[in-house]
Amino acid sequence: MSVREAVGKAIAFFRELQEQAGEQVSGLEVEEVEKSDNDQYWLITLSYLRKPTGMEQVVGALKRERSYKSFKVNAETGEVISMTIRQVHAS
């Protein structure tokens, strides 16, 4: 599976989950793509802007925050194996 196909699988998986959860996101970007050391997986990091909800809106945090998710995609089948939260710290 090519890198473009793997990224497409990760994006489709992410969008489907966000739609099911009813979370409003925008500004989806591909941040990182690499193949695992054993070449079995594509490791993909996506970022997006999340709309503030609940108390975030009440306290005036109306600015959208960039959030990050990492995906592990089977390089042969295209199956998304996992999605995890990726913590990014500003330096």
Protein backbone atom coordinates (compact mmCIF):
# COMPACT_ATOMS: atom_id res chain seq x y z
CA MET A 1 0.00 0.00 0.00
CA SER A 2 1.35 3.42 -0.93
CA VAL A 3 1.80 6.24 1.55
CA ARG A 4 -1.05 8.19 -0.11
CA GLU A 5 -3.41 5.23 0.27
CA ALA A 6 -2.43 4.78 3.93
CA VAL A 7 -2.99 8.47 4.69
CA GLY A 8 -6.38 8.26 2.96
CA LYS A 9 -7.34 5.30 5.18
CA ALA A 10 -6.31 7.19 8.33
CA ILE A 11 -8.28 10.30 7.27
CA ALA A 12 -11.39 8.28 6.39
CA PHE A 13 -11.20 6.44 9.73
CA PHE A 14 -10.81 9.70 11.65
CA ARG A 15 -13.68 11.43 9.84
CA GLU A 16 -16.02 8.49 10.39
CA LEU A 17 -15.31 8.45 14.14
CA GLN A 18 -15.69 12.24 14.46
CA GLU A 19 -19.01 12.11 12.62
CA GLN A 20 -20.28 9.34 14.90
CA ALA A 21 -19.18 11.30 17.98
CA GLY A 22 -20.76 14.52 16.71
CA GLU A 23 -17.53 16.43 17.29
CA GLN A 24 -16.97 19.44 15.06
CA VAL A 25 -13.45 19.63 13.67
CA SER A 26 -11.80 21.55 10.86
CA GLY A 27 -8.35 22.27 9.51
CA LEU A 28 -7.33 18.63 9.15
CA GLU A 29 -3.61 18.36 8.28
CA VAL A 30 -1.14 15.55 7.77
CA GLU A 31 1.74 16.18 10.19
CA GLU A 32 3.94 13.07 10.04
CA VAL A 33 4.16 9.85 8.04
CA GLU A 34 6.70 7.09 8.49
CA LYS A 35 6.93 3.36 8.06
CA SER A 36 7.59 1.14 11.06
CA ASP A 37 11.03 -0.41 11.42
CA ASN A 38 9.71 -3.77 10.21
CA ASP A 39 7.80 -2.16 7.26
CA GLN A 40 4.51 -3.72 8.44
CA TYR A 41 2.77 -0.46 9.38
CA TRP A 42 2.39 3.13 8.30
CA LEU A 43 2.55 5.47 11.31
CA ILE A 44 0.58 8.61 10.55
CA THR A 45 -0.04 11.73 12.64
CA LEU A 46 -2.95 14.03 11.77
CA SER A 47 -3.80 17.34 13.41
CA TYR A 48 -7.08 19.21 13.47
CA LEU A 49 -8.79 22.18 15.02
CA ARG A 50 -11.36 21.26 17.64
CA LYS A 51 -14.30 23.55 18.39
CA PRO A 52 -14.50 24.45 22.12
CA THR A 53 -17.46 22.92 23.93
CA GLY A 54 -19.18 23.20 27.30
CA MET A 55 -17.10 24.95 29.97
CA GLU A 56 -14.43 25.97 27.45
CA GLN A 57 -16.99 28.26 25.82
CA VAL A 58 -18.30 29.54 29.15
CA VAL A 59 -14.87 30.64 30.35
CA GLY A 60 -14.20 32.42 27.08
CA ALA A 61 -11.82 29.99 25.44
CA LEU A 62 -13.44 30.40 22.04
CA LYS A 63 -10.15 29.88 20.23
CA ARG A 64 -9.84 26.56 18.47
CA GLU A 65 -7.00 24.36 19.69
CA ARG A 66 -4.92 22.12 17.44
CA SER A 67 -5.16 18.49 18.53
CA TYR A 68 -3.15 15.53 17.28
CA LYS A 69 -3.97 11.87 16.63
CA SER A 70 -1.58 9.10 15.62
CA PHE A 71 -2.70 6.17 13.49
CA LYS A 72 -1.13 2.77 12.89
CA VAL A 73 -2.19 1.42 9.49
CA ASN A 74 -1.40 -2.07 8.22
CA ALA A 75 0.88 -1.46 5.21
CA GLU A 76 -0.47 -4.47 3.33
CA THR A 77 -4.23 -4.40 4.00
CA GLY A 78 -4.86 -0.73 4.85
CA GLU A 79 -6.67 -1.67 8.05
CA VAL A 80 -6.38 1.00 10.75
CA ILE A 81 -4.97 -0.91 13.73
CA SER A 82 -5.00 1.91 16.26
CA MET A 83 -5.66 5.59 16.85
CA THR A 84 -4.06 7.32 19.82
CA ILE A 85 -3.83 10.85 21.19
CA ARG A 86 -0.51 12.45 20.35
CA GLN A 87 0.79 15.00 22.83
CA VAL A 88 2.79 17.79 21.22
CA HIS A 89 4.64 20.21 23.46
CA ALA A 90 5.59 23.68 22.27
CA SER A 91 9.27 24.40 22.61
